[in-house]
Amino acid sequence: MFSTSNIAFLIGFLMVLLTLINVLFTNEISPSIQRSEIISALTSISIIFIGFLSQRHDSRIIKKVDLKGEDGLYISADLSNEIKNEIAWGSNIILRATASSTILIYLNDSVILKRGLINTKEFKPGKICYSARNKNKYISLVNTKFYPGKFEFDSVLLDLPSVLVFPISDKGWIIIGGWSERCFTKSDEIWIEGWSRKLEQII
């Protein structure tokens, strides 16, 4: 099946070919024919250029990774109703409005929320989480295959292609896994960071 870029290339090259054939079989070159040939050539080049841009755009489209996990929700029973309602609302919005596949909130040495694709493995924070806490700044792993410490998040969900880590002061972290590489926008990160700051005030 032809993509948009391939179709544009085909049309562009076909127009170039027809333009050359027309020139070769024209007995007399008049100014009007010259103008039409120039316009035809510019149109062909423009279509080929559009095909090139479309090809670059198509190459950036990354398909979802086939992640292994069960769709579920876990909220610790030890939390107050206010905190339960807040993290239930926030996690639901994040899963619906962003390219996230899973969310885990770790607070005071225990997991208080798992949502989205989840597993039964026990999560323990590692170097990346502690780095985010020490800097008091979120960390974005846009493509985990370039990070040797990515195994830290295998207990959240195996082989996550991208991960966001947001510290909740010195109490814990919000960990969000994406469906694909580079799937989170800057707006996603800013919004989630704002929500993590809100949680600091109520937890």
C-alpha atoms as a PDB file:
ATOM      1  CA  MET A   1       0.000   0.000   0.000  1.00  0.00           C
ATOM      2  CA  PHE A   2       1.336   3.415  -1.030  1.00  0.00           C
ATOM      3  CA  SER A   3       1.872   6.086   1.581  1.00  0.00           C
ATOM      4  CA  THR A   4       1.096   9.761   1.033  1.00  0.00           C
ATOM      5  CA  SER A   5       4.775  10.530   0.474  1.00  0.00           C
ATOM      6  CA  ASN A   6       5.147   7.765  -2.138  1.00  0.00           C
ATOM      7  CA  ILE A   7       2.104   8.985  -4.046  1.00  0.00           C
ATOM      8  CA  ALA A   8       3.458  12.550  -4.059  1.00  0.00           C
ATOM      9  CA  PHE A   9       6.845  11.326  -5.337  1.00  0.00           C
ATOM     10  CA  LEU A  10       5.143   9.307  -8.077  1.00  0.00           C
ATOM     11  CA  ILE A  11       3.000  12.217  -9.252  1.00  0.00           C
ATOM     12  CA  GLY A  12       5.951  14.625  -9.161  1.00  0.00           C
ATOM     13  CA  PHE A  13       8.265  12.371 -11.186  1.00  0.00           C
ATOM     14  CA  LEU A  14       5.467  11.571 -13.643  1.00  0.00           C
ATOM     15  CA  MET A  15       4.904  15.285 -14.243  1.00  0.00           C
ATOM     16  CA  VAL A  16       8.651  15.810 -14.772  1.00  0.00           C
ATOM     17  CA  LEU A  17       8.701  12.940 -17.258  1.00  0.00           C
ATOM     18  CA  LEU A  18       5.707  14.269 -19.197  1.00  0.00           C
ATOM     19  CA  THR A  19       7.266  17.738 -19.251  1.00  0.00           C
ATOM     20  CA  LEU A  20      10.497  16.362 -20.770  1.00  0.00           C
ATOM     21  CA  ILE A  21       8.564  14.290 -23.325  1.00  0.00           C
ATOM     22  CA  ASN A  22       6.542  17.361 -24.293  1.00  0.00           C
ATOM     23  CA  VAL A  23       9.747  19.389 -24.830  1.00  0.00           C
ATOM     24  CA  LEU A  24      11.366  16.642 -26.924  1.00  0.00           C
ATOM     25  CA  PHE A  25       8.389  16.346 -29.259  1.00  0.00           C
ATOM     26  CA  THR A  26       7.763  20.065 -29.666  1.00  0.00           C
ATOM     27  CA  ASN A  27       8.888  21.298 -33.077  1.00  0.00           C
ATOM     28  CA  GLU A  28       8.888  24.986 -32.272  1.00  0.00           C
ATOM     29  CA  ILE A  29       9.642  26.527 -28.881  1.00  0.00           C
ATOM     30  CA  SER A  30       7.595  29.659 -28.376  1.00  0.00           C
ATOM     31  CA  PRO A  31       7.637  31.984 -25.333  1.00  0.00           C
ATOM     32  CA  SER A  32       4.250  30.638 -24.215  1.00  0.00           C
ATOM     33  CA  ILE A  33       5.529  27.055 -24.354  1.00  0.00           C
ATOM     34  CA  GLN A  34       8.627  28.042 -22.399  1.00  0.00           C
ATOM     35  CA  ARG A  35       6.483  29.651 -19.706  1.00  0.00           C
ATOM     36  CA  SER A  36       4.258  26.589 -19.464  1.00  0.00           C
ATOM     37  CA  GLU A  37       7.295  24.300 -19.211  1.00  0.00           C
ATOM     38  CA  ILE A  38       8.777  26.403 -16.411  1.00  0.00           C
ATOM     39  CA  ILE A  39       5.467  26.394 -14.530  1.00  0.00           C
ATOM     40  CA  SER A  40       5.154  22.630 -15.026  1.00  0.00           C
ATOM     41  CA  ALA A  41       8.699  22.043 -13.786  1.00  0.00           C
ATOM     42  CA  LEU A  42       8.179  24.202 -10.699  1.00  0.00           C
ATOM     43  CA  THR A  43       4.908  22.402  -9.953  1.00  0.00           C
ATOM     44  CA  SER A  44       6.620  19.014 -10.261  1.00  0.00           C
ATOM     45  CA  ILE A  45       9.464  20.047  -7.969  1.00  0.00           C
ATOM     46  CA  SER A  46       6.954  21.395  -5.437  1.00  0.00           C
ATOM     47  CA  ILE A  47       5.052  18.096  -5.400  1.00  0.00           C
ATOM     48  CA  ILE A  48       8.286  16.127  -4.960  1.00  0.00           C
ATOM     49  CA  PHE A  49       9.276  18.425  -2.093  1.00  0.00           C
ATOM     50  CA  ILE A  50       5.877  17.872  -0.444  1.00  0.00           C
ATOM     51  CA  GLY A  51       6.479  14.127  -0.774  1.00  0.00           C
ATOM     52  CA  PHE A  52       9.873  14.516   0.906  1.00  0.00           C
ATOM     53  CA  LEU A  53       8.337  16.418   3.822  1.00  0.00           C
ATOM     54  CA  SER A  54       5.572  13.821   4.133  1.00  0.00           C
ATOM     55  CA  GLN A  55       8.154  11.060   4.218  1.00  0.00           C
ATOM     56  CA  ARG A  56       9.981  12.774   7.076  1.00  0.00           C
ATOM     57  CA  HIS A  57       6.695  13.139   8.945  1.00  0.00           C
ATOM     58  CA  ASP A  58       5.759   9.482   8.367  1.00  0.00           C
ATOM     59  CA  SER A  59       9.163   8.356   9.699  1.00  0.00           C
ATOM     60  CA  ARG A  60       8.472  10.121  12.986  1.00  0.00           C
ATOM     61  CA  ILE A  61       5.219   8.254  13.578  1.00  0.00           C
ATOM     62  CA  ILE A  62       6.043   5.632  16.157  1.00  0.00           C
ATOM     63  CA  LYS A  63       3.685   2.754  16.781  1.00  0.00           C
ATOM     64  CA  LYS A  64       2.669   1.683  20.246  1.00  0.00           C
ATOM     65  CA  VAL A  65       4.834  -0.956  21.840  1.00  0.00           C
ATOM     66  CA  ASP A  66       3.085  -4.201  22.714  1.00  0.00           C
ATOM     67  CA  LEU A  67       3.443  -3.914  26.487  1.00  0.00           C
ATOM     68  CA  LYS A  68       2.746  -6.867  28.749  1.00  0.00           C
ATOM     69  CA  GLY A  69       0.455  -6.188  31.689  1.00  0.00           C
ATOM     70  CA  GLU A  70      -3.085  -6.355  32.968  1.00  0.00           C
ATOM     71  CA  ASP A  71      -5.381  -3.353  32.842  1.00  0.00           C
ATOM     72  CA  GLY A  72      -6.193  -2.562  36.447  1.00  0.00           C
ATOM     73  CA  LEU A  73      -6.433  -0.154  39.359  1.00  0.00           C
ATOM     74  CA  TYR A  74      -4.966  -0.413  42.834  1.00  0.00           C
ATOM     75  CA  ILE A  75      -5.365   2.274  45.512  1.00  0.00           C
ATOM     76  CA  SER A  76      -4.048   1.769  49.033  1.00  0.00           C
ATOM     77  CA  ALA A  77      -6.805   1.382  51.610  1.00  0.00           C
ATOM     78  CA  ASP A  78      -4.733   3.286  54.177  1.00  0.00           C
ATOM     79  CA  LEU A  79      -5.262   6.661  52.495  1.00  0.00           C
ATOM     80  CA  SER A  80      -7.799   9.300  53.431  1.00  0.00           C
ATOM     81  CA  ASN A  81     -10.804   9.777  51.150  1.00  0.00           C
ATOM     82  CA  GLU A  82      -9.432  13.152  50.049  1.00  0.00           C
ATOM     83  CA  ILE A  83      -6.167  11.641  48.830  1.00  0.00           C
ATOM     84  CA  LYS A  84      -7.933   8.651  47.265  1.00  0.00           C
ATOM     85  CA  ASN A  85     -10.229  10.931  45.299  1.00  0.00           C
ATOM     86  CA  GLU A  86      -7.365  13.189  44.191  1.00  0.00           C
ATOM     87  CA  ILE A  87      -5.052  10.453  42.928  1.00  0.00           C
ATOM     88  CA  ALA A  88      -7.960   8.573  41.324  1.00  0.00           C
ATOM     89  CA  TRP A  89      -9.023  11.730  39.470  1.00  0.00           C
ATOM     90  CA  GLY A  90      -5.497  12.772  38.468  1.00  0.00           C
ATOM     91  CA  SER A  91      -4.382   9.349  37.271  1.00  0.00           C
ATOM     92  CA  ASN A  92      -7.560   8.937  35.224  1.00  0.00           C
ATOM     93  CA  ILE A  93      -7.041  12.269  33.476  1.00  0.00           C
ATOM     94  CA  ILE A  94      -3.381  11.494  32.728  1.00  0.00           C
ATOM     95  CA  LEU A  95      -4.208   8.112  31.210  1.00  0.00           C
ATOM     96  CA  ARG A  96      -6.985   9.598  29.101  1.00  0.00           C
ATOM     97  CA  ALA A  97      -5.288  12.826  27.992  1.00  0.00           C
ATOM     98  CA  THR A  98      -1.698  11.688  27.363  1.00  0.00           C
ATOM     99  CA  ALA A  99       0.133   8.769  25.736  1.00  0.00           C
ATOM    100  CA  SER A 100       0.701   7.120  29.112  1.00  0.00           C
ATOM    101  CA  SER A 101       0.193   3.387  29.528  1.00  0.00           C
ATOM    102  CA  THR A 102       0.729   3.057  33.268  1.00  0.00           C
ATOM    103  CA  ILE A 103       0.985   5.160  36.430  1.00  0.00           C
ATOM    104  CA  LEU A 104       2.528   4.245  39.755  1.00  0.00           C
ATOM    105  CA  ILE A 105       2.701   6.439  42.863  1.00  0.00           C
ATOM    106  CA  TYR A 106       5.210   5.462  45.531  1.00  0.00           C
ATOM    107  CA  LEU A 107       4.864   7.275  48.852  1.00  0.00           C
ATOM    108  CA  ASN A 108       6.515   6.774  52.242  1.00  0.00           C
ATOM    109  CA  ASP A 109       8.140   3.464  51.276  1.00  0.00           C
ATOM    110  CA  SER A 110       5.058   1.878  49.739  1.00  0.00           C
ATOM    111  CA  VAL A 111       3.026   1.878  46.547  1.00  0.00           C
ATOM    112  CA  ILE A 112      -0.235   3.784  47.021  1.00  0.00           C
ATOM    113  CA  LEU A 113      -1.499   3.650  43.447  1.00  0.00           C
ATOM    114  CA  LYS A 114      -1.145   1.548  40.314  1.00  0.00           C
ATOM    115  CA  ARG A 115      -3.301   2.277  37.312  1.00  0.00           C
ATOM    116  CA  GLY A 116      -3.420   1.414  33.622  1.00  0.00           C
ATOM    117  CA  LEU A 117      -1.343  -1.593  32.635  1.00  0.00           C
ATOM    118  CA  ILE A 118      -0.013  -3.066  35.868  1.00  0.00           C
ATOM    119  CA  ASN A 119       1.711  -6.172  37.180  1.00  0.00           C
ATOM    120  CA  THR A 120       2.230  -7.836  40.537  1.00  0.00           C
ATOM    121  CA  LYS A 121       5.956  -7.112  40.905  1.00  0.00           C
ATOM    122  CA  GLU A 122       7.180  -5.135  43.906  1.00  0.00           C
ATOM    123  CA  PHE A 123       8.557  -1.717  42.982  1.00  0.00           C
ATOM    124  CA  LYS A 124      11.650  -0.318  44.668  1.00  0.00           C
ATOM    125  CA  PRO A 125      13.077   3.104  43.696  1.00  0.00           C
ATOM    126  CA  GLY A 126      16.612   3.242  42.313  1.00  0.00           C
ATOM    127  CA  LYS A 127      19.214   5.755  41.197  1.00  0.00           C
ATOM    128  CA  ILE A 128      17.008   7.598  38.715  1.00  0.00           C
ATOM    129  CA  CYS A 129      14.236   8.140  41.250  1.00  0.00           C
ATOM    130  CA  TYR A 130      16.668   9.351  43.897  1.00  0.00           C
ATOM    131  CA  SER A 131      18.298  11.663  41.384  1.00  0.00           C
ATOM    132  CA  ALA A 132      14.923  13.260  40.647  1.00  0.00           C
ATOM    133  CA  ARG A 133      14.277  13.668  44.376  1.00  0.00           C
ATOM    134  CA  ASN A 134      17.707  15.154  45.101  1.00  0.00           C
ATOM    135  CA  LYS A 135      17.347  17.675  42.279  1.00  0.00           C
ATOM    136  CA  ASN A 136      13.663  18.245  43.105  1.00  0.00           C
ATOM    137  CA  LYS A 137      13.026  18.099  39.384  1.00  0.00           C
ATOM    138  CA  TYR A 138      11.286  15.614  37.158  1.00  0.00           C
ATOM    139  CA  ILE A 139      13.275  13.327  34.858  1.00  0.00           C
ATOM    140  CA  SER A 140      12.136  12.390  31.378  1.00  0.00           C
ATOM    141  CA  LEU A 141      13.502   9.242  29.776  1.00  0.00           C
ATOM    142  CA  VAL A 142      12.290   9.815  26.222  1.00  0.00           C
ATOM    143  CA  ASN A 143      13.802   6.565  24.959  1.00  0.00           C
ATOM    144  CA  THR A 144      14.735   4.051  27.648  1.00  0.00           C
ATOM    145  CA  LYS A 145      16.955   1.938  25.391  1.00  0.00           C
ATOM    146  CA  PHE A 146      19.594   4.646  25.761  1.00  0.00           C
ATOM    147  CA  TYR A 147      19.513   4.508  29.580  1.00  0.00           C
ATOM    148  CA  PRO A 148      21.426   1.648  31.250  1.00  0.00           C
ATOM    149  CA  GLY A 149      19.413   2.127  34.452  1.00  0.00           C
ATOM    150  CA  LYS A 150      16.059   1.509  32.783  1.00  0.00           C
ATOM    151  CA  PHE A 151      15.725  -1.841  34.596  1.00  0.00           C
ATOM    152  CA  GLU A 152      14.760   0.236  37.635  1.00  0.00           C
ATOM    153  CA  PHE A 153      11.276   0.505  36.109  1.00  0.00           C
ATOM    154  CA  ASP A 154      10.857  -3.112  34.983  1.00  0.00           C
ATOM    155  CA  SER A 155       8.810  -3.748  38.109  1.00  0.00           C
ATOM    156  CA  VAL A 156       6.427  -0.951  37.075  1.00  0.00           C
ATOM    157  CA  LEU A 157       5.990  -2.541  33.649  1.00  0.00           C
ATOM    158  CA  LEU A 158       8.483  -4.532  31.618  1.00  0.00           C
ATOM    159  CA  ASP A 159      10.220  -2.842  28.667  1.00  0.00           C
ATOM    160  CA  LEU A 160       8.613   0.584  28.955  1.00  0.00           C
ATOM    161  CA  PRO A 161       9.827   2.621  25.949  1.00  0.00           C
ATOM    162  CA  SER A 162       9.607   5.962  27.789  1.00  0.00           C
ATOM    163  CA  VAL A 163       9.297   6.986  31.437  1.00  0.00           C
ATOM    164  CA  LEU A 164       8.560  10.174  33.387  1.00  0.00           C
ATOM    165  CA  VAL A 165       9.633  10.435  37.035  1.00  0.00           C
ATOM    166  CA  PHE A 166       8.163  13.213  39.181  1.00  0.00           C
ATOM    167  CA  PRO A 167       9.319  13.633  42.794  1.00  0.00           C
ATOM    168  CA  ILE A 168       6.744  14.347  45.494  1.00  0.00           C
ATOM    169  CA  SER A 169       9.049  16.399  47.723  1.00  0.00           C
ATOM    170  CA  ASP A 170      11.094  13.875  49.744  1.00  0.00           C
ATOM    171  CA  LYS A 171       8.160  11.520  50.283  1.00  0.00           C
ATOM    172  CA  GLY A 172       7.961   9.634  47.016  1.00  0.00           C
ATOM    173  CA  TRP A 173       7.469   9.692  43.264  1.00  0.00           C
ATOM    174  CA  ILE A 174       4.938   9.606  40.476  1.00  0.00           C
ATOM    175  CA  ILE A 175       6.172   7.267  37.743  1.00  0.00           C
ATOM    176  CA  ILE A 176       4.470   7.317  34.369  1.00  0.00           C
ATOM    177  CA  GLY A 177       5.249   4.949  31.510  1.00  0.00           C
ATOM    178  CA  GLY A 178       4.469   5.761  27.888  1.00  0.00           C
ATOM    179  CA  TRP A 179       3.198   3.641  25.044  1.00  0.00           C
ATOM    180  CA  SER A 180       6.079   4.586  22.745  1.00  0.00           C
ATOM    181  CA  GLU A 181       9.333   6.504  22.516  1.00  0.00           C
ATOM    182  CA  ARG A 182       9.110  10.323  22.755  1.00  0.00           C
ATOM    183  CA  CYS A 183       5.360  10.114  23.246  1.00  0.00           C
ATOM    184  CA  PHE A 184       5.020  12.816  25.915  1.00  0.00           C
ATOM    185  CA  THR A 185       4.749  16.470  24.944  1.00  0.00           C
ATOM    186  CA  LYS A 186       6.213  19.353  26.892  1.00  0.00           C
ATOM    187  CA  SER A 187       2.662  20.343  27.826  1.00  0.00           C
ATOM    188  CA  ASP A 188       2.092  16.853  29.296  1.00  0.00           C
ATOM    189  CA  GLU A 189       5.209  17.178  31.407  1.00  0.00           C
ATOM    190  CA  ILE A 190       4.325  20.660  32.662  1.00  0.00           C
ATOM    191  CA  TRP A 191       0.768  19.639  33.578  1.00  0.00           C
ATOM    192  CA  ILE A 192       1.864  16.485  35.422  1.00  0.00           C
ATOM    193  CA  GLU A 193       4.592  18.393  37.239  1.00  0.00           C
ATOM    194  CA  GLY A 194       1.960  20.871  38.422  1.00  0.00           C
ATOM    195  CA  TRP A 195      -0.199  18.008  39.667  1.00  0.00           C
ATOM    196  CA  SER A 196       2.768  16.491  41.532  1.00  0.00           C
ATOM    197  CA  ARG A 197       3.288  19.843  43.306  1.00  0.00           C
ATOM    198  CA  LYS A 198      -0.373  19.828  44.284  1.00  0.00           C
ATOM    199  CA  LEU A 199      -0.003  16.346  45.764  1.00  0.00           C
ATOM    200  CA  GLU A 200       2.878  17.601  47.879  1.00  0.00           C
ATOM    201  CA  GLN A 201       0.453  19.945  49.618  1.00  0.00           C
ATOM    202  CA  ILE A 202      -2.165  17.352  50.506  1.00  0.00           C
ATOM    203  CA  ILE A 203      -0.153  14.191  51.123  1.00  0.00           C
END
